[in-house]
Amino acid sequence: MKKIAFPTDDGETISPHLGRASFFLVASLPDTGEVRFERRDKPHHSQEAEHAAHEHQGQGPGNAMFSAIADCQTLIAGGMGEPAFQHAQAQGLEVLLPAQKNIQLALDSYRAGTLVSDARRIHKR
């Protein structure tokens, strides 16, 4: 079973910035049957904490943020800072940053193999 995490504030739209999202909506894609959705709390962080996590090579709050989705294989976000992007990849997540804002439409595009990621959505300092 594949699991895909979406940072969100309302459960319907992808948050434009991972660190500011209220929670994760995780879609579980079974080999057969219906997609299941689960809301998971997401630890919050400040830009200072994100910077500290980057400076300490993975020992800061960035790891806590990703602990909530440790069983996921893919993260689909609207954007994120470069340190968060590096943390996600280090955790083994496939990170996609599409222009699509609707979670269901992004999931449908992902499943169809047509979801396009835009690396310009990685926020540089």
PDB file of N, CA and C in Angstrom:
ATOM      1  N   MET A   1       0.844  -1.175   0.000  1.00  0.00           N
ATOM      2  CA  MET A   1       0.000   0.000   0.000  1.00  0.00           C
ATOM      3  C   MET A   1       0.891   1.239   0.000  1.00  0.00           C
ATOM      4  N   LYS A   2       0.578   2.160  -0.873  1.00  0.00           N
ATOM      5  CA  LYS A   2       1.321   3.408  -0.963  1.00  0.00           C
ATOM      6  C   LYS A   2       0.577   4.488  -0.177  1.00  0.00           C
ATOM      7  N   LYS A   3       1.354   5.347   0.505  1.00  0.00           N
ATOM      8  CA  LYS A   3       0.760   6.454   1.253  1.00  0.00           C
ATOM      9  C   LYS A   3       1.354   7.771   0.764  1.00  0.00           C
ATOM     10  N   ILE A   4       0.449   8.733   0.545  1.00  0.00           N
ATOM     11  CA  ILE A   4       0.831  10.047   0.046  1.00  0.00           C
ATOM     12  C   ILE A   4       0.355  11.100   1.032  1.00  0.00           C
ATOM     13  N   ALA A   5       1.262  11.989   1.447  1.00  0.00           N
ATOM     14  CA  ALA A   5       0.937  13.046   2.404  1.00  0.00           C
ATOM     15  C   ALA A   5       0.755  14.380   1.691  1.00  0.00           C
ATOM     16  N   PHE A   6      -0.279  15.102   2.100  1.00  0.00           N
ATOM     17  CA  PHE A   6      -0.567  16.438   1.601  1.00  0.00           C
ATOM     18  C   PHE A   6      -0.627  17.398   2.781  1.00  0.00           C
ATOM     19  N   PRO A   7       0.228  18.428   2.850  1.00  0.00           N
ATOM     20  CA  PRO A   7       0.070  19.446   3.888  1.00  0.00           C
ATOM     21  C   PRO A   7      -1.143  20.310   3.532  1.00  0.00           C
ATOM     22  N   THR A   8      -1.983  20.596   4.518  1.00  0.00           N
ATOM     23  CA  THR A   8      -3.224  21.312   4.242  1.00  0.00           C
ATOM     24  C   THR A   8      -3.715  22.066   5.469  1.00  0.00           C
ATOM     25  N   ASP A   9      -4.589  23.016   5.228  1.00  0.00           N
ATOM     26  CA  ASP A   9      -5.236  23.742   6.323  1.00  0.00           C
ATOM     27  C   ASP A   9      -6.714  23.380   6.431  1.00  0.00           C
ATOM     28  N   ASP A  10      -7.272  22.796   5.350  1.00  0.00           N
ATOM     29  CA  ASP A  10      -8.705  22.539   5.331  1.00  0.00           C
ATOM     30  C   ASP A  10      -9.089  21.131   4.884  1.00  0.00           C
ATOM     31  N   GLY A  11      -8.107  20.304   4.537  1.00  0.00           N
ATOM     32  CA  GLY A  11      -8.399  18.952   4.087  1.00  0.00           C
ATOM     33  C   GLY A  11      -8.817  18.854   2.632  1.00  0.00           C
ATOM     34  N   GLU A  12      -8.882  19.992   1.944  1.00  0.00           N
ATOM     35  CA  GLU A  12      -9.287  19.997   0.537  1.00  0.00           C
ATOM     36  C   GLU A  12      -8.251  20.607  -0.387  1.00  0.00           C
ATOM     37  N   THR A  13      -7.490  21.568   0.129  1.00  0.00           N
ATOM     38  CA  THR A  13      -6.492  22.239  -0.700  1.00  0.00           C
ATOM     39  C   THR A  13      -5.094  22.014  -0.143  1.00  0.00           C
ATOM     40  N   ILE A  14      -4.128  21.974  -1.057  1.00  0.00           N
ATOM     41  CA  ILE A  14      -2.728  21.802  -0.680  1.00  0.00           C
ATOM     42  C   ILE A  14      -2.201  23.147  -0.193  1.00  0.00           C
ATOM     43  N   SER A  15      -1.580  23.151   0.965  1.00  0.00           N
ATOM     44  CA  SER A  15      -1.016  24.381   1.517  1.00  0.00           C
ATOM     45  C   SER A  15       0.127  24.884   0.633  1.00  0.00           C
ATOM     46  N   PRO A  16       0.217  26.218   0.423  1.00  0.00           N
ATOM     47  CA  PRO A  16       1.299  26.754  -0.395  1.00  0.00           C
ATOM     48  C   PRO A  16       2.675  26.661   0.279  1.00  0.00           C
ATOM     49  N   HIS A  17       2.699  26.406   1.597  1.00  0.00           N
ATOM     50  CA  HIS A  17       3.976  26.295   2.306  1.00  0.00           C
ATOM     51  C   HIS A  17       3.864  25.194   3.352  1.00  0.00           C
ATOM     52  N   LEU A  18       4.658  24.171   3.196  1.00  0.00           N
ATOM     53  CA  LEU A  18       4.637  23.008   4.082  1.00  0.00           C
ATOM     54  C   LEU A  18       4.694  23.390   5.558  1.00  0.00           C
ATOM     55  N   GLY A  19       5.631  24.253   5.935  1.00  0.00           N
ATOM     56  CA  GLY A  19       5.843  24.579   7.341  1.00  0.00           C
ATOM     57  C   GLY A  19       4.691  25.300   7.993  1.00  0.00           C
ATOM     58  N   ARG A  20       3.878  25.970   7.207  1.00  0.00           N
ATOM     59  CA  ARG A  20       2.756  26.729   7.773  1.00  0.00           C
ATOM     60  C   ARG A  20       1.444  25.965   7.755  1.00  0.00           C
ATOM     61  N   ALA A  21       1.429  24.789   7.157  1.00  0.00           N
ATOM     62  CA  ALA A  21       0.199  23.994   7.079  1.00  0.00           C
ATOM     63  C   ALA A  21      -0.239  23.544   8.470  1.00  0.00           C
ATOM     64  N   SER A  22      -1.544  23.411   8.660  1.00  0.00           N
ATOM     65  CA  SER A  22      -2.091  23.009   9.955  1.00  0.00           C
ATOM     66  C   SER A  22      -1.925  21.522  10.240  1.00  0.00           C
ATOM     67  N   PHE A  23      -2.076  20.695   9.208  1.00  0.00           N
ATOM     68  CA  PHE A  23      -1.991  19.249   9.401  1.00  0.00           C
ATOM     69  C   PHE A  23      -1.689  18.580   8.065  1.00  0.00           C
ATOM     70  N   PHE A  24      -1.498  17.262   8.112  1.00  0.00           N
ATOM     71  CA  PHE A  24      -1.321  16.460   6.907  1.00  0.00           C
ATOM     72  C   PHE A  24      -2.606  15.686   6.647  1.00  0.00           C
ATOM     73  N   LEU A  25      -2.977  15.570   5.392  1.00  0.00           N
ATOM     74  CA  LEU A  25      -3.999  14.628   4.974  1.00  0.00           C
ATOM     75  C   LEU A  25      -3.251  13.526   4.238  1.00  0.00           C
ATOM     76  N   VAL A  26      -3.354  12.298   4.743  1.00  0.00           N
ATOM     77  CA  VAL A  26      -2.627  11.168   4.162  1.00  0.00           C
ATOM     78  C   VAL A  26      -3.613  10.287   3.403  1.00  0.00           C
ATOM     79  N   ALA A  27      -3.312  10.076   2.135  1.00  0.00           N
ATOM     80  CA  ALA A  27      -4.107   9.183   1.290  1.00  0.00           C
ATOM     81  C   ALA A  27      -3.416   7.825   1.247  1.00  0.00           C
ATOM     82  N   SER A  28      -4.148   6.782   1.611  1.00  0.00           N
ATOM     83  CA  SER A  28      -3.634   5.411   1.530  1.00  0.00           C
ATOM     84  C   SER A  28      -4.220   4.777   0.277  1.00  0.00           C
ATOM     85  N   LEU A  29      -3.326   4.344  -0.613  1.00  0.00           N
ATOM     86  CA  LEU A  29      -3.734   3.764  -1.885  1.00  0.00           C
ATOM     87  C   LEU A  29      -3.521   2.253  -1.834  1.00  0.00           C
ATOM     88  N   PRO A  30      -4.567   1.501  -1.512  1.00  0.00           N
ATOM     89  CA  PRO A  30      -4.418   0.041  -1.459  1.00  0.00           C
ATOM     90  C   PRO A  30      -4.307  -0.535  -2.865  1.00  0.00           C
ATOM     91  N   ASP A  31      -3.801  -1.756  -2.951  1.00  0.00           N
ATOM     92  CA  ASP A  31      -3.702  -2.431  -4.246  1.00  0.00           C
ATOM     93  C   ASP A  31      -5.091  -2.632  -4.849  1.00  0.00           C
ATOM     94  N   THR A  32      -6.060  -2.902  -3.999  1.00  0.00           N
ATOM     95  CA  THR A  32      -7.455  -3.015  -4.430  1.00  0.00           C
ATOM     96  C   THR A  32      -8.324  -2.267  -3.430  1.00  0.00           C
ATOM     97  N   GLY A  33      -9.429  -1.757  -3.881  1.00  0.00           N
ATOM     98  CA  GLY A  33     -10.352  -1.084  -2.981  1.00  0.00           C
ATOM     99  C   GLY A  33     -10.245   0.428  -3.042  1.00  0.00           C
ATOM    100  N   GLU A  34     -10.935   1.064  -2.138  1.00  0.00           N
ATOM    101  CA  GLU A  34     -11.062   2.515  -2.084  1.00  0.00           C
ATOM    102  C   GLU A  34      -9.848   3.189  -1.445  1.00  0.00           C
ATOM    103  N   VAL A  35      -9.573   4.407  -1.890  1.00  0.00           N
ATOM    104  CA  VAL A  35      -8.557   5.253  -1.255  1.00  0.00           C
ATOM    105  C   VAL A  35      -9.104   5.675   0.101  1.00  0.00           C
ATOM    106  N   ARG A  36      -8.265   5.610   1.113  1.00  0.00           N
ATOM    107  CA  ARG A  36      -8.654   6.063   2.457  1.00  0.00           C
ATOM    108  C   ARG A  36      -7.861   7.314   2.797  1.00  0.00           C
ATOM    109  N   PHE A  37      -8.514   8.246   3.474  1.00  0.00           N
ATOM    110  CA  PHE A  37      -7.866   9.482   3.902  1.00  0.00           C
ATOM    111  C   PHE A  37      -7.812   9.522   5.421  1.00  0.00           C
ATOM    112  N   GLU A  38      -6.694  10.042   5.928  1.00  0.00           N
ATOM    113  CA  GLU A  38      -6.486  10.145   7.371  1.00  0.00           C
ATOM    114  C   GLU A  38      -5.866  11.507   7.677  1.00  0.00           C
ATOM    115  N   ARG A  39      -6.409  12.186   8.667  1.00  0.00           N
ATOM    116  CA  ARG A  39      -5.849  13.462   9.122  1.00  0.00           C
ATOM    117  C   ARG A  39      -4.790  13.166  10.175  1.00  0.00           C
ATOM    118  N   ARG A  40      -3.623  13.807  10.018  1.00  0.00           N
ATOM    119  CA  ARG A  40      -2.544  13.637  11.000  1.00  0.00           C
ATOM    120  C   ARG A  40      -2.045  15.004  11.447  1.00  0.00           C
ATOM    121  N   ASP A  41      -1.865  15.151  12.740  1.00  0.00           N
ATOM    122  CA  ASP A  41      -1.312  16.391  13.271  1.00  0.00           C
ATOM    123  C   ASP A  41       0.098  16.588  12.746  1.00  0.00           C
ATOM    124  N   LYS A  42       0.451  17.839  12.500  1.00  0.00           N
ATOM    125  CA  LYS A  42       1.782  18.183  12.002  1.00  0.00           C
ATOM    126  C   LYS A  42       2.430  19.134  12.996  1.00  0.00           C
ATOM    127  N   PRO A  43       3.585  18.765  13.547  1.00  0.00           N
ATOM    128  CA  PRO A  43       4.293  19.721  14.406  1.00  0.00           C
ATOM    129  C   PRO A  43       4.605  20.996  13.616  1.00  0.00           C
ATOM    130  N   HIS A  44       4.449  22.125  14.254  1.00  0.00           N
ATOM    131  CA  HIS A  44       4.729  23.399  13.595  1.00  0.00           C
ATOM    132  C   HIS A  44       6.154  23.829  13.887  1.00  0.00           C
ATOM    133  N   HIS A  45       6.652  24.703  13.033  1.00  0.00           N
ATOM    134  CA  HIS A  45       8.004  25.218  13.234  1.00  0.00           C
ATOM    135  C   HIS A  45       8.073  26.647  12.726  1.00  0.00           C
ATOM    136  N   SER A  46       9.068  27.335  13.192  1.00  0.00           N
ATOM    137  CA  SER A  46       9.309  28.704  12.724  1.00  0.00           C
ATOM    138  C   SER A  46      10.445  28.667  11.708  1.00  0.00           C
ATOM    139  N   GLN A  47      10.660  29.767  11.012  1.00  0.00           N
ATOM    140  CA  GLN A  47      11.781  29.817  10.078  1.00  0.00           C
ATOM    141  C   GLN A  47      13.100  29.675  10.819  1.00  0.00           C
ATOM    142  N   GLU A  48      13.181  30.185  12.038  1.00  0.00           N
ATOM    143  CA  GLU A  48      14.407  30.052  12.817  1.00  0.00           C
ATOM    144  C   GLU A  48      14.679  28.585  13.130  1.00  0.00           C
ATOM    145  N   ALA A  49      13.624  27.844  13.467  1.00  0.00           N
ATOM    146  CA  ALA A  49      13.786  26.421  13.759  1.00  0.00           C
ATOM    147  C   ALA A  49      14.182  25.657  12.500  1.00  0.00           C
ATOM    148  N   GLU A  50      13.582  26.040  11.367  1.00  0.00           N
ATOM    149  CA  GLU A  50      13.937  25.394  10.096  1.00  0.00           C
ATOM    150  C   GLU A  50      15.411  25.633   9.781  1.00  0.00           C
ATOM    151  N   HIS A  51      15.870  26.855  10.010  1.00  0.00           N
ATOM    152  CA  HIS A  51      17.265  27.191   9.754  1.00  0.00           C
ATOM    153  C   HIS A  51      18.172  26.382  10.687  1.00  0.00           C
ATOM    154  N   ALA A  52      17.774  26.264  11.963  1.00  0.00           N
ATOM    155  CA  ALA A  52      18.573  25.498  12.926  1.00  0.00           C
ATOM    156  C   ALA A  52      18.647  24.030  12.512  1.00  0.00           C
ATOM    157  N   ALA A  53      17.536  23.499  12.015  1.00  0.00           N
ATOM    158  CA  ALA A  53      17.530  22.106  11.569  1.00  0.00           C
ATOM    159  C   ALA A  53      18.515  21.918  10.429  1.00  0.00           C
ATOM    160  N   HIS A  54      18.557  22.856   9.526  1.00  0.00           N
ATOM    161  CA  HIS A  54      19.479  22.786   8.389  1.00  0.00           C
ATOM    162  C   HIS A  54      20.920  22.876   8.881  1.00  0.00           C
ATOM    163  N   GLU A  55      21.168  23.781   9.810  1.00  0.00           N
ATOM    164  CA  GLU A  55      22.527  23.980  10.318  1.00  0.00           C
ATOM    165  C   GLU A  55      23.045  22.748  11.054  1.00  0.00           C
ATOM    166  N   HIS A  56      22.146  22.013  11.710  1.00  0.00           N
ATOM    167  CA  HIS A  56      22.572  20.862  12.505  1.00  0.00           C
ATOM    168  C   HIS A  56      22.412  19.546  11.740  1.00  0.00           C
ATOM    169  N   GLN A  57      22.289  19.625  10.433  1.00  0.00           N
ATOM    170  CA  GLN A  57      22.256  18.448   9.575  1.00  0.00           C
ATOM    171  C   GLN A  57      21.255  17.398  10.046  1.00  0.00           C
ATOM    172  N   GLY A  58      19.989  17.810  10.162  1.00  0.00           N
ATOM    173  CA  GLY A  58      18.946  16.834  10.418  1.00  0.00           C
ATOM    174  C   GLY A  58      18.645  16.583  11.873  1.00  0.00           C
ATOM    175  N   GLN A  59      19.195  17.365  12.787  1.00  0.00           N
ATOM    176  CA  GLN A  59      18.931  17.119  14.195  1.00  0.00           C
ATOM    177  C   GLN A  59      17.977  18.138  14.785  1.00  0.00           C
ATOM    178  N   GLY A  60      17.356  18.955  13.970  1.00  0.00           N
ATOM    179  CA  GLY A  60      16.452  19.985  14.456  1.00  0.00           C
ATOM    180  C   GLY A  60      14.997  19.607  14.254  1.00  0.00           C
ATOM    181  N   PRO A  61      14.107  20.602  14.383  1.00  0.00           N
ATOM    182  CA  PRO A  61      12.675  20.359  14.324  1.00  0.00           C
ATOM    183  C   PRO A  61      12.177  19.861  12.979  1.00  0.00           C
ATOM    184  N   GLY A  62      12.945  20.000  11.915  1.00  0.00           N
ATOM    185  CA  GLY A  62      12.514  19.503  10.626  1.00  0.00           C
ATOM    186  C   GLY A  62      12.200  18.017  10.671  1.00  0.00           C
ATOM    187  N   ASN A  63      13.011  17.267  11.426  1.00  0.00           N
ATOM    188  CA  ASN A  63      12.758  15.835  11.550  1.00  0.00           C
ATOM    189  C   ASN A  63      11.443  15.570  12.257  1.00  0.00           C
ATOM    190  N   ALA A  64      11.090  16.354  13.265  1.00  0.00           N
ATOM    191  CA  ALA A  64       9.828  16.176  13.987  1.00  0.00           C
ATOM    192  C   ALA A  64       8.651  16.382  13.049  1.00  0.00           C
ATOM    193  N   MET A  65       8.757  17.360  12.163  1.00  0.00           N
ATOM    194  CA  MET A  65       7.670  17.629  11.236  1.00  0.00           C
ATOM    195  C   MET A  65       7.417  16.418  10.343  1.00  0.00           C
ATOM    196  N   PHE A  66       8.465  15.743   9.917  1.00  0.00           N
ATOM    197  CA  PHE A  66       8.316  14.607   9.025  1.00  0.00           C
ATOM    198  C   PHE A  66       8.029  13.304   9.760  1.00  0.00           C
ATOM    199  N   SER A  67       8.166  13.277  11.081  1.00  0.00           N
ATOM    200  CA  SER A  67       7.882  12.054  11.832  1.00  0.00           C
ATOM    201  C   SER A  67       6.414  11.654  11.697  1.00  0.00           C
ATOM    202  N   ALA A  68       5.529  12.621  11.511  1.00  0.00           N
ATOM    203  CA  ALA A  68       4.101  12.336  11.372  1.00  0.00           C
ATOM    204  C   ALA A  68       3.786  11.583  10.086  1.00  0.00           C
ATOM    205  N   ILE A  69       4.689  11.634   9.115  1.00  0.00           N
ATOM    206  CA  ILE A  69       4.452  10.968   7.831  1.00  0.00           C
ATOM    207  C   ILE A  69       5.580   9.983   7.506  1.00  0.00           C
ATOM    208  N   ALA A  70       6.181   9.434   8.544  1.00  0.00           N
ATOM    209  CA  ALA A  70       7.320   8.528   8.365  1.00  0.00           C
ATOM    210  C   ALA A  70       6.958   7.274   7.569  1.00  0.00           C
ATOM    211  N   ASP A  71       5.680   6.899   7.556  1.00  0.00           N
ATOM    212  CA  ASP A  71       5.254   5.711   6.820  1.00  0.00           C
ATOM    213  C   ASP A  71       4.795   6.023   5.396  1.00  0.00           C
ATOM    214  N   CYS A  72       4.920   7.286   4.983  1.00  0.00           N
ATOM    215  CA  CYS A  72       4.518   7.699   3.637  1.00  0.00           C
ATOM    216  C   CYS A  72       5.692   7.581   2.668  1.00  0.00           C
ATOM    217  N   GLN A  73       5.363   7.394   1.411  1.00  0.00           N
ATOM    218  CA  GLN A  73       6.386   7.305   0.380  1.00  0.00           C
ATOM    219  C   GLN A  73       6.485   8.590  -0.441  1.00  0.00           C
ATOM    220  N   THR A  74       5.403   9.366  -0.465  1.00  0.00           N
ATOM    221  CA  THR A  74       5.334  10.561  -1.303  1.00  0.00           C
ATOM    222  C   THR A  74       4.768  11.725  -0.501  1.00  0.00           C
ATOM    223  N   LEU A  75       5.317  12.908  -0.750  1.00  0.00           N
ATOM    224  CA  LEU A  75       4.825  14.157  -0.176  1.00  0.00           C
ATOM    225  C   LEU A  75       4.489  15.084  -1.339  1.00  0.00           C
ATOM    226  N   ILE A  76       3.238  15.524  -1.407  1.00  0.00           N
ATOM    227  CA  ILE A  76       2.810  16.463  -2.440  1.00  0.00           C
ATOM    228  C   ILE A  76       2.463  17.766  -1.737  1.00  0.00           C
ATOM    229  N   ALA A  77       3.268  18.802  -1.977  1.00  0.00           N
ATOM    230  CA  ALA A  77       3.121  20.081  -1.283  1.00  0.00           C
ATOM    231  C   ALA A  77       3.088  21.221  -2.290  1.00  0.00           C
ATOM    232  N   GLY A  78       2.569  22.359  -1.840  1.00  0.00           N
ATOM    233  CA  GLY A  78       2.517  23.540  -2.699  1.00  0.00           C
ATOM    234  C   GLY A  78       3.838  24.278  -2.743  1.00  0.00           C
ATOM    235  N   GLY A  79       4.658  24.090  -1.740  1.00  0.00           N
ATOM    236  CA  GLY A  79       5.961  24.730  -1.654  1.00  0.00           C
ATOM    237  C   GLY A  79       6.576  24.453  -0.300  1.00  0.00           C
ATOM    238  N   MET A  80       7.885  24.663  -0.207  1.00  0.00           N
ATOM    239  CA  MET A  80       8.583  24.462   1.067  1.00  0.00           C
ATOM    240  C   MET A  80       9.970  25.075   0.972  1.00  0.00           C
ATOM    241  N   GLY A  81      10.549  25.330   2.129  1.00  0.00           N
ATOM    242  CA  GLY A  81      11.910  25.840   2.173  1.00  0.00           C
ATOM    243  C   GLY A  81      12.900  24.768   1.755  1.00  0.00           C
ATOM    244  N   GLU A  82      14.058  25.217   1.338  1.00  0.00           N
ATOM    245  CA  GLU A  82      15.084  24.277   0.889  1.00  0.00           C
ATOM    246  C   GLU A  82      15.496  23.287   1.983  1.00  0.00           C
ATOM    247  N   PRO A  83      15.656  23.732   3.267  1.00  0.00           N
ATOM    248  CA  PRO A  83      16.010  22.767   4.306  1.00  0.00           C
ATOM    249  C   PRO A  83      14.942  21.677   4.469  1.00  0.00           C
ATOM    250  N   ALA A  84      13.670  22.058   4.410  1.00  0.00           N
ATOM    251  CA  ALA A  84      12.589  21.073   4.535  1.00  0.00           C
ATOM    252  C   ALA A  84      12.622  20.101   3.362  1.00  0.00           C
ATOM    253  N   PHE A  85      12.876  20.621   2.168  1.00  0.00           N
ATOM    254  CA  PHE A  85      12.979  19.774   0.984  1.00  0.00           C
ATOM    255  C   PHE A  85      14.101  18.747   1.167  1.00  0.00           C
ATOM    256  N   GLN A  86      15.229  19.194   1.683  1.00  0.00           N
ATOM    257  CA  GLN A  86      16.353  18.290   1.912  1.00  0.00           C
ATOM    258  C   GLN A  86      16.023  17.243   2.973  1.00  0.00           C
ATOM    259  N   HIS A  87      15.328  17.666   4.051  1.00  0.00           N
ATOM    260  CA  HIS A  87      14.914  16.714   5.087  1.00  0.00           C
ATOM    261  C   HIS A  87      13.994  15.655   4.504  1.00  0.00           C
ATOM    262  N   ALA A  88      13.027  16.085   3.713  1.00  0.00           N
ATOM    263  CA  ALA A  88      12.064  15.148   3.133  1.00  0.00           C
ATOM    264  C   ALA A  88      12.771  14.122   2.254  1.00  0.00           C
ATOM    265  N   GLN A  89      13.674  14.591   1.419  1.00  0.00           N
ATOM    266  CA  GLN A  89      14.406  13.674   0.559  1.00  0.00           C
ATOM    267  C   GLN A  89      15.300  12.735   1.370  1.00  0.00           C
ATOM    268  N   ALA A  90      15.925  13.257   2.427  1.00  0.00           N
ATOM    269  CA  ALA A  90      16.779  12.425   3.275  1.00  0.00           C
ATOM    270  C   ALA A  90      15.969  11.332   3.964  1.00  0.00           C
ATOM    271  N   GLN A  91      14.696  11.605   4.213  1.00  0.00           N
ATOM    272  CA  GLN A  91      13.809  10.614   4.826  1.00  0.00           C
ATOM    273  C   GLN A  91      13.354   9.583   3.792  1.00  0.00           C
ATOM    274  N   GLY A  92      13.661   9.823   2.532  1.00  0.00           N
ATOM    275  CA  GLY A  92      13.296   8.883   1.481  1.00  0.00           C
ATOM    276  C   GLY A  92      11.982   9.200   0.799  1.00  0.00           C
ATOM    277  N   LEU A  93      11.441  10.376   1.071  1.00  0.00           N
ATOM    278  CA  LEU A  93      10.184  10.765   0.440  1.00  0.00           C
ATOM    279  C   LEU A  93      10.389  11.224  -1.001  1.00  0.00           C
ATOM    280  N   GLU A  94       9.503  10.813  -1.868  1.00  0.00           N
ATOM    281  CA  GLU A  94       9.391  11.403  -3.197  1.00  0.00           C
ATOM    282  C   GLU A  94       8.651  12.719  -2.972  1.00  0.00           C
ATOM    283  N   VAL A  95       9.246  13.847  -3.351  1.00  0.00           N
ATOM    284  CA  VAL A  95       8.640  15.160  -3.109  1.00  0.00           C
ATOM    285  C   VAL A  95       8.195  15.745  -4.438  1.00  0.00           C
ATOM    286  N   LEU A  96       6.908  16.082  -4.513  1.00  0.00           N
ATOM    287  CA  LEU A  96       6.347  16.703  -5.698  1.00  0.00           C
ATOM    288  C   LEU A  96       5.745  18.043  -5.304  1.00  0.00           C
ATOM    289  N   LEU A  97       6.002  19.062  -6.116  1.00  0.00           N
ATOM    290  CA  LEU A  97       5.555  20.424  -5.833  1.00  0.00           C
ATOM    291  C   LEU A  97       4.773  20.945  -7.039  1.00  0.00           C
ATOM    292  N   PRO A  98       3.516  20.524  -7.161  1.00  0.00           N
ATOM    293  CA  PRO A  98       2.722  20.905  -8.333  1.00  0.00           C
ATOM    294  C   PRO A  98       2.018  22.248  -8.156  1.00  0.00           C
ATOM    295  N   ALA A  99       1.551  22.785  -9.268  1.00  0.00           N
ATOM    296  CA  ALA A  99       0.741  24.009  -9.233  1.00  0.00           C
ATOM    297  C   ALA A  99      -0.685  23.682  -8.779  1.00  0.00           C
ATOM    298  N   GLN A 100      -1.099  22.435  -8.943  1.00  0.00           N
ATOM    299  CA  GLN A 100      -2.450  22.010  -8.565  1.00  0.00           C
ATOM    300  C   GLN A 100      -2.689  22.266  -7.081  1.00  0.00           C
ATOM    301  N   LYS A 101      -3.811  22.884  -6.752  1.00  0.00           N
ATOM    302  CA  LYS A 101      -4.111  23.218  -5.357  1.00  0.00           C
ATOM    303  C   LYS A 101      -5.108  22.252  -4.713  1.00  0.00           C
ATOM    304  N   ASN A 102      -5.965  21.623  -5.507  1.00  0.00           N
ATOM    305  CA  ASN A 102      -6.990  20.728  -4.983  1.00  0.00           C
ATOM    306  C   ASN A 102      -6.385  19.343  -4.727  1.00  0.00           C
ATOM    307  N   ILE A 103      -6.540  18.845  -3.507  1.00  0.00           N
ATOM    308  CA  ILE A 103      -5.937  17.567  -3.133  1.00  0.00           C
ATOM    309  C   ILE A 103      -6.469  16.423  -3.995  1.00  0.00           C
ATOM    310  N   GLN A 104      -7.772  16.333  -4.172  1.00  0.00           N
ATOM    311  CA  GLN A 104      -8.334  15.219  -4.941  1.00  0.00           C
ATOM    312  C   GLN A 104      -7.868  15.261  -6.392  1.00  0.00           C
ATOM    313  N   LEU A 105      -7.836  16.450  -7.001  1.00  0.00           N
ATOM    314  CA  LEU A 105      -7.379  16.557  -8.386  1.00  0.00           C
ATOM    315  C   LEU A 105      -5.890  16.225  -8.506  1.00  0.00           C
ATOM    316  N   ALA A 106      -5.088  16.661  -7.524  1.00  0.00           N
ATOM    317  CA  ALA A 106      -3.658  16.331  -7.528  1.00  0.00           C
ATOM    318  C   ALA A 106      -3.464  14.825  -7.376  1.00  0.00           C
ATOM    319  N   LEU A 107      -4.239  14.208  -6.502  1.00  0.00           N
ATOM    320  CA  LEU A 107      -4.148  12.763  -6.310  1.00  0.00           C
ATOM    321  C   LEU A 107      -4.532  12.031  -7.595  1.00  0.00           C
ATOM    322  N   ASP A 108      -5.604  12.481  -8.241  1.00  0.00           N
ATOM    323  CA  ASP A 108      -6.019  11.865  -9.505  1.00  0.00           C
ATOM    324  C   ASP A 108      -4.917  11.995 -10.560  1.00  0.00           C
ATOM    325  N   SER A 109      -4.311  13.174 -10.643  1.00  0.00           N
ATOM    326  CA  SER A 109      -3.219  13.394 -11.607  1.00  0.00           C
ATOM    327  C   SER A 109      -2.017  12.527 -11.264  1.00  0.00           C
ATOM    328  N   TYR A 110      -1.692  12.417  -9.972  1.00  0.00           N
ATOM    329  CA  TYR A 110      -0.580  11.573  -9.548  1.00  0.00           C
ATOM    330  C   TYR A 110      -0.820  10.127  -9.978  1.00  0.00           C
ATOM    331  N   ARG A 111      -2.011   9.634  -9.705  1.00  0.00           N
ATOM    332  CA  ARG A 111      -2.337   8.247 -10.042  1.00  0.00           C
ATOM    333  C   ARG A 111      -2.320   8.003 -11.546  1.00  0.00           C
ATOM    334  N   ALA A 112      -2.642   9.053 -12.320  1.00  0.00           N
ATOM    335  CA  ALA A 112      -2.634   8.943 -13.780  1.00  0.00           C
ATOM    336  C   ALA A 112      -1.236   9.136 -14.358  1.00  0.00           C
ATOM    337  N   GLY A 113      -0.287   9.553 -13.499  1.00  0.00           N
ATOM    338  CA  GLY A 113       1.078   9.784 -13.954  1.00  0.00           C
ATOM    339  C   GLY A 113       1.258  11.114 -14.675  1.00  0.00           C
ATOM    340  N   THR A 114       0.340  12.058 -14.435  1.00  0.00           N
ATOM    341  CA  THR A 114       0.401  13.339 -15.145  1.00  0.00           C
ATOM    342  C   THR A 114       0.686  14.529 -14.224  1.00  0.00           C
ATOM    343  N   LEU A 115       0.908  14.295 -12.946  1.00  0.00           N
ATOM    344  CA  LEU A 115       1.179  15.402 -12.019  1.00  0.00           C
ATOM    345  C   LEU A 115       2.593  15.931 -12.272  1.00  0.00           C
ATOM    346  N   VAL A 116       2.694  17.240 -12.495  1.00  0.00           N
ATOM    347  CA  VAL A 116       3.972  17.871 -12.831  1.00  0.00           C
ATOM    348  C   VAL A 116       4.478  18.644 -11.611  1.00  0.00           C
ATOM    349  N   SER A 117       5.715  18.369 -11.228  1.00  0.00           N
ATOM    350  CA  SER A 117       6.350  19.058 -10.111  1.00  0.00           C
ATOM    351  C   SER A 117       7.165  20.237 -10.631  1.00  0.00           C
ATOM    352  N   ASP A 118       7.214  21.310  -9.844  1.00  0.00           N
ATOM    353  CA  ASP A 118       7.933  22.525 -10.228  1.00  0.00           C
ATOM    354  C   ASP A 118       8.952  22.868  -9.142  1.00  0.00           C
ATOM    355  N   ALA A 119      10.229  22.646  -9.423  1.00  0.00           N
ATOM    356  CA  ALA A 119      11.299  22.893  -8.445  1.00  0.00           C
ATOM    357  C   ALA A 119      11.386  24.362  -8.035  1.00  0.00           C
ATOM    358  N   ARG A 120      10.784  25.257  -8.797  1.00  0.00           N
ATOM    359  CA  ARG A 120      10.775  26.669  -8.403  1.00  0.00           C
ATOM    360  C   ARG A 120       9.934  26.915  -7.159  1.00  0.00           C
ATOM    361  N   ARG A 121       9.189  25.906  -6.728  1.00  0.00           N
ATOM    362  CA  ARG A 121       8.367  26.018  -5.521  1.00  0.00           C
ATOM    363  C   ARG A 121       9.183  25.721  -4.249  1.00  0.00           C
ATOM    364  N   ILE A 122      10.476  25.452  -4.419  1.00  0.00           N
ATOM    365  CA  ILE A 122      11.375  25.321  -3.272  1.00  0.00           C
ATOM    366  C   ILE A 122      11.838  26.725  -2.927  1.00  0.00           C
ATOM    367  N   HIS A 123      11.504  27.172  -1.732  1.00  0.00           N
ATOM    368  CA  HIS A 123      11.816  28.534  -1.320  1.00  0.00           C
ATOM    369  C   HIS A 123      13.280  28.633  -0.889  1.00  0.00           C
ATOM    370  N   LYS A 124      14.025  29.431  -1.596  1.00  0.00           N
ATOM    371  CA  LYS A 124      15.448  29.652  -1.293  1.00  0.00           C
ATOM    372  C   LYS A 124      15.568  30.807  -0.309  1.00  0.00           C
ATOM    373  N   ARG A 125      16.653  30.827   0.415  1.00  0.00           N
ATOM    374  CA  ARG A 125      16.905  31.935   1.358  1.00  0.00           C
ATOM    375  C   ARG A 125      17.561  33.064   0.632  1.00  0.00           C
TER     376      ARG A 125
END
